[in-house]
Amino acid sequence: METLILIVDDNLVIRQVIRDRLFKALSVDHFREASSGHEAIELASKCKPDLVILDVSMPDMDGVAAQSTRSSLSLRLQSSCLRFIS
């Protein structure tokens, strides 16, 4: 099974840096990206990621608010991870 990572940050450059570093460190190349908490919840319900990396500070809905609706993030497995960045 392929590992799918959802990167959530309102800054495109930050999302690209995270994606590039994860690819180099882990050779993971299955990513989805969202620019807000609302978009993350919608996307996660469709793709069911193994790992969600959330920015804590975003306009609209930040990572903390999105995490509080963790069931809406539809992580693939019980052991899936949710991580915050700031």
N, C-alpha and C. Protein backbone atom coordinates (compact mmCIF):
# COMPACT_ATOMS: atom_id res chain seq x y z
N MET A 1 0.85 -1.18 0.00
CA MET A 1 0.00 0.00 0.00
C MET A 1 0.89 1.24 0.00
N GLU A 2 0.58 2.19 -0.84
CA GLU A 2 1.36 3.41 -0.94
C GLU A 2 0.99 4.37 0.18
N THR A 3 1.99 5.08 0.69
CA THR A 3 1.76 6.08 1.72
C THR A 3 1.31 7.38 1.06
N LEU A 4 0.21 7.92 1.54
CA LEU A 4 -0.32 9.17 1.01
C LEU A 4 -0.24 10.24 2.10
N ILE A 5 0.38 11.36 1.76
CA ILE A 5 0.57 12.46 2.70
C ILE A 5 -0.21 13.67 2.23
N LEU A 6 -0.98 14.26 3.14
CA LEU A 6 -1.72 15.49 2.86
C LEU A 6 -0.98 16.64 3.55
N ILE A 7 -0.54 17.61 2.76
CA ILE A 7 0.17 18.78 3.28
C ILE A 7 -0.78 19.97 3.22
N VAL A 8 -0.98 20.60 4.38
CA VAL A 8 -1.94 21.71 4.47
C VAL A 8 -1.22 22.96 4.96
N ASP A 9 -1.12 23.95 4.09
CA ASP A 9 -0.50 25.23 4.42
C ASP A 9 -1.02 26.25 3.42
N ASP A 10 -1.26 27.47 3.89
CA ASP A 10 -1.76 28.50 2.99
C ASP A 10 -0.66 29.07 2.09
N ASN A 11 0.60 28.74 2.37
CA ASN A 11 1.72 29.25 1.59
C ASN A 11 2.20 28.15 0.63
N LEU A 12 2.09 28.41 -0.65
CA LEU A 12 2.48 27.45 -1.68
C LEU A 12 3.95 27.07 -1.57
N VAL A 13 4.81 28.02 -1.30
CA VAL A 13 6.24 27.75 -1.21
C VAL A 13 6.53 26.78 -0.06
N ILE A 14 5.88 26.99 1.07
CA ILE A 14 6.07 26.09 2.21
C ILE A 14 5.61 24.68 1.86
N ARG A 15 4.48 24.56 1.19
CA ARG A 15 4.00 23.23 0.77
C ARG A 15 5.02 22.55 -0.14
N GLN A 16 5.60 23.31 -1.06
CA GLN A 16 6.59 22.75 -1.98
C GLN A 16 7.85 22.30 -1.24
N VAL A 17 8.30 23.09 -0.28
CA VAL A 17 9.49 22.74 0.50
C VAL A 17 9.24 21.45 1.29
N ILE A 18 8.10 21.36 1.95
CA ILE A 18 7.77 20.16 2.72
C ILE A 18 7.71 18.94 1.81
N ARG A 19 7.03 19.08 0.69
CA ARG A 19 6.91 17.97 -0.27
C ARG A 19 8.29 17.53 -0.76
N ASP A 20 9.13 18.49 -1.13
CA ASP A 20 10.47 18.15 -1.65
C ASP A 20 11.34 17.48 -0.60
N ARG A 21 11.27 17.96 0.63
CA ARG A 21 12.09 17.36 1.70
C ARG A 21 11.61 15.95 2.05
N LEU A 22 10.30 15.77 2.08
CA LEU A 22 9.78 14.42 2.35
C LEU A 22 10.14 13.46 1.23
N PHE A 23 10.09 13.93 0.00
CA PHE A 23 10.45 13.08 -1.13
C PHE A 23 11.92 12.66 -1.02
N LYS A 24 12.79 13.62 -0.73
CA LYS A 24 14.22 13.31 -0.62
C LYS A 24 14.52 12.41 0.57
N ALA A 25 13.87 12.65 1.70
CA ALA A 25 14.16 11.88 2.91
C ALA A 25 13.52 10.50 2.91
N LEU A 26 12.32 10.39 2.36
CA LEU A 26 11.56 9.15 2.48
C LEU A 26 11.23 8.48 1.15
N SER A 27 11.56 9.14 0.06
CA SER A 27 11.21 8.65 -1.28
C SER A 27 9.71 8.46 -1.45
N VAL A 28 8.93 9.24 -0.72
CA VAL A 28 7.47 9.22 -0.86
C VAL A 28 7.10 10.21 -1.95
N ASP A 29 6.26 9.79 -2.86
CA ASP A 29 5.88 10.70 -3.93
C ASP A 29 4.37 10.78 -4.13
N HIS A 30 3.61 10.37 -3.12
CA HIS A 30 2.15 10.45 -3.19
C HIS A 30 1.67 11.52 -2.21
N PHE A 31 1.46 12.71 -2.75
CA PHE A 31 1.07 13.85 -1.93
C PHE A 31 -0.22 14.44 -2.44
N ARG A 32 -0.97 15.02 -1.54
CA ARG A 32 -2.09 15.90 -1.87
C ARG A 32 -1.83 17.17 -1.09
N GLU A 33 -2.32 18.28 -1.60
CA GLU A 33 -2.09 19.56 -0.94
C GLU A 33 -3.39 20.33 -0.80
N ALA A 34 -3.47 21.06 0.30
CA ALA A 34 -4.62 21.93 0.56
C ALA A 34 -4.09 23.25 1.12
N SER A 35 -4.83 24.33 0.89
CA SER A 35 -4.39 25.64 1.35
C SER A 35 -5.21 26.18 2.51
N SER A 36 -6.15 25.38 3.02
CA SER A 36 -6.94 25.81 4.18
C SER A 36 -7.46 24.57 4.91
N GLY A 37 -7.93 24.79 6.12
CA GLY A 37 -8.50 23.69 6.88
C GLY A 37 -9.74 23.11 6.22
N HIS A 38 -10.59 23.99 5.68
CA HIS A 38 -11.80 23.51 4.99
C HIS A 38 -11.44 22.63 3.79
N GLU A 39 -10.47 23.09 3.01
CA GLU A 39 -10.04 22.33 1.85
C GLU A 39 -9.42 20.99 2.29
N ALA A 40 -8.70 21.00 3.39
CA ALA A 40 -8.08 19.78 3.91
C ALA A 40 -9.13 18.75 4.28
N ILE A 41 -10.18 19.19 4.95
CA ILE A 41 -11.25 18.26 5.35
C ILE A 41 -11.93 17.67 4.13
N GLU A 42 -12.20 18.51 3.14
CA GLU A 42 -12.85 18.02 1.91
C GLU A 42 -11.95 17.03 1.17
N LEU A 43 -10.68 17.39 1.04
CA LEU A 43 -9.75 16.53 0.31
C LEU A 43 -9.49 15.22 1.06
N ALA A 44 -9.34 15.30 2.37
CA ALA A 44 -9.08 14.10 3.17
C ALA A 44 -10.23 13.11 3.09
N SER A 45 -11.45 13.61 3.00
CA SER A 45 -12.59 12.70 2.90
C SER A 45 -12.57 11.92 1.59
N LYS A 46 -11.93 12.48 0.58
CA LYS A 46 -11.85 11.81 -0.72
C LYS A 46 -10.65 10.88 -0.82
N CYS A 47 -9.49 11.31 -0.29
CA CYS A 47 -8.26 10.54 -0.52
C CYS A 47 -7.79 9.73 0.68
N LYS A 48 -8.33 9.96 1.87
CA LYS A 48 -7.99 9.21 3.09
C LYS A 48 -6.48 9.06 3.28
N PRO A 49 -5.80 10.14 3.65
CA PRO A 49 -4.33 10.11 3.78
C PRO A 49 -3.86 9.30 4.99
N ASP A 50 -2.59 8.88 4.93
CA ASP A 50 -1.94 8.20 6.05
C ASP A 50 -1.34 9.21 7.02
N LEU A 51 -0.93 10.35 6.51
CA LEU A 51 -0.30 11.39 7.32
C LEU A 51 -0.84 12.74 6.88
N VAL A 52 -1.20 13.57 7.85
CA VAL A 52 -1.64 14.93 7.56
C VAL A 52 -0.69 15.88 8.27
N ILE A 53 -0.11 16.80 7.52
CA ILE A 53 0.76 17.82 8.09
C ILE A 53 0.02 19.14 7.96
N LEU A 54 -0.32 19.72 9.13
CA LEU A 54 -1.16 20.92 9.17
C LEU A 54 -0.39 22.14 9.66
N ASP A 55 -0.57 23.26 8.98
CA ASP A 55 -0.08 24.54 9.45
C ASP A 55 -1.00 24.98 10.59
N VAL A 56 -0.43 25.48 11.66
CA VAL A 56 -1.23 25.90 12.80
C VAL A 56 -1.93 27.23 12.51
N SER A 57 -1.32 28.09 11.74
CA SER A 57 -1.85 29.43 11.52
C SER A 57 -2.20 29.64 10.05
N MET A 58 -3.49 29.59 9.75
CA MET A 58 -3.98 29.84 8.39
C MET A 58 -5.26 30.65 8.47
N PRO A 59 -5.52 31.49 7.47
CA PRO A 59 -6.81 32.18 7.46
C PRO A 59 -7.93 31.18 7.16
N ASP A 60 -9.15 31.59 7.39
CA ASP A 60 -10.33 30.76 7.12
C ASP A 60 -10.50 29.71 8.21
N MET A 61 -9.77 28.62 8.15
CA MET A 61 -9.80 27.59 9.19
C MET A 61 -8.37 27.10 9.37
N ASP A 62 -7.82 27.31 10.56
CA ASP A 62 -6.43 26.92 10.79
C ASP A 62 -6.32 25.44 11.13
N GLY A 63 -5.09 24.98 11.29
CA GLY A 63 -4.85 23.58 11.56
C GLY A 63 -5.43 23.10 12.88
N VAL A 64 -5.45 23.97 13.88
CA VAL A 64 -6.00 23.59 15.17
C VAL A 64 -7.50 23.31 15.04
N ALA A 65 -8.21 24.19 14.34
CA ALA A 65 -9.65 23.99 14.15
C ALA A 65 -9.91 22.74 13.29
N ALA A 66 -9.09 22.54 12.27
CA ALA A 66 -9.27 21.35 11.43
C ALA A 66 -9.00 20.08 12.23
N GLN A 67 -8.02 20.13 13.12
CA GLN A 67 -7.71 18.96 13.94
C GLN A 67 -8.85 18.63 14.89
N SER A 68 -9.55 19.66 15.35
CA SER A 68 -10.65 19.40 16.28
C SER A 68 -11.78 18.64 15.60
N THR A 69 -11.78 18.65 14.30
CA THR A 69 -12.74 17.85 13.53
C THR A 69 -12.01 16.66 12.89
N ARG A 70 -11.10 16.07 13.64
CA ARG A 70 -10.25 14.99 13.13
C ARG A 70 -11.03 13.90 12.43
N SER A 71 -12.20 13.58 12.94
CA SER A 71 -12.99 12.54 12.28
C SER A 71 -13.31 12.96 10.85
N SER A 72 -13.40 14.27 10.61
CA SER A 72 -13.66 14.77 9.26
C SER A 72 -12.44 14.63 8.37
N LEU A 73 -11.26 14.49 8.98
CA LEU A 73 -10.04 14.36 8.18
C LEU A 73 -9.91 12.98 7.56
N SER A 74 -10.71 12.02 8.00
CA SER A 74 -10.81 10.71 7.35
C SER A 74 -9.47 10.05 7.12
N LEU A 75 -8.67 9.95 8.17
CA LEU A 75 -7.39 9.27 8.02
C LEU A 75 -7.61 7.80 7.69
N ARG A 76 -6.73 7.24 6.89
CA ARG A 76 -6.91 5.90 6.36
C ARG A 76 -6.92 4.82 7.45
N LEU A 77 -6.03 4.92 8.42
CA LEU A 77 -5.89 3.89 9.44
C LEU A 77 -5.97 4.49 10.83
N GLN A 78 -6.29 3.70 11.81
CA GLN A 78 -6.31 4.16 13.20
C GLN A 78 -4.94 4.68 13.62
N SER A 79 -3.88 4.08 13.09
CA SER A 79 -2.53 4.47 13.47
C SER A 79 -2.00 5.63 12.62
N SER A 80 -2.83 6.20 11.76
CA SER A 80 -2.41 7.32 10.94
C SER A 80 -2.02 8.50 11.82
N CYS A 81 -1.22 9.39 11.26
CA CYS A 81 -0.66 10.47 12.03
C CYS A 81 -1.19 11.83 11.60
N LEU A 82 -1.25 12.70 12.59
CA LEU A 82 -1.62 14.09 12.37
C LEU A 82 -0.52 14.92 12.99
N ARG A 83 0.15 15.76 12.21
CA ARG A 83 1.27 16.57 12.70
C ARG A 83 1.02 18.03 12.40
N PHE A 84 1.51 18.88 13.29
CA PHE A 84 1.37 20.33 13.13
C PHE A 84 2.70 20.96 12.80
N ILE A 85 2.63 22.02 12.00
CA ILE A 85 3.79 22.87 11.77
C ILE A 85 3.37 24.30 12.02
N SER A 86 4.30 25.17 12.28
CA SER A 86 3.94 26.56 12.49
C SER A 86 4.80 27.47 11.66
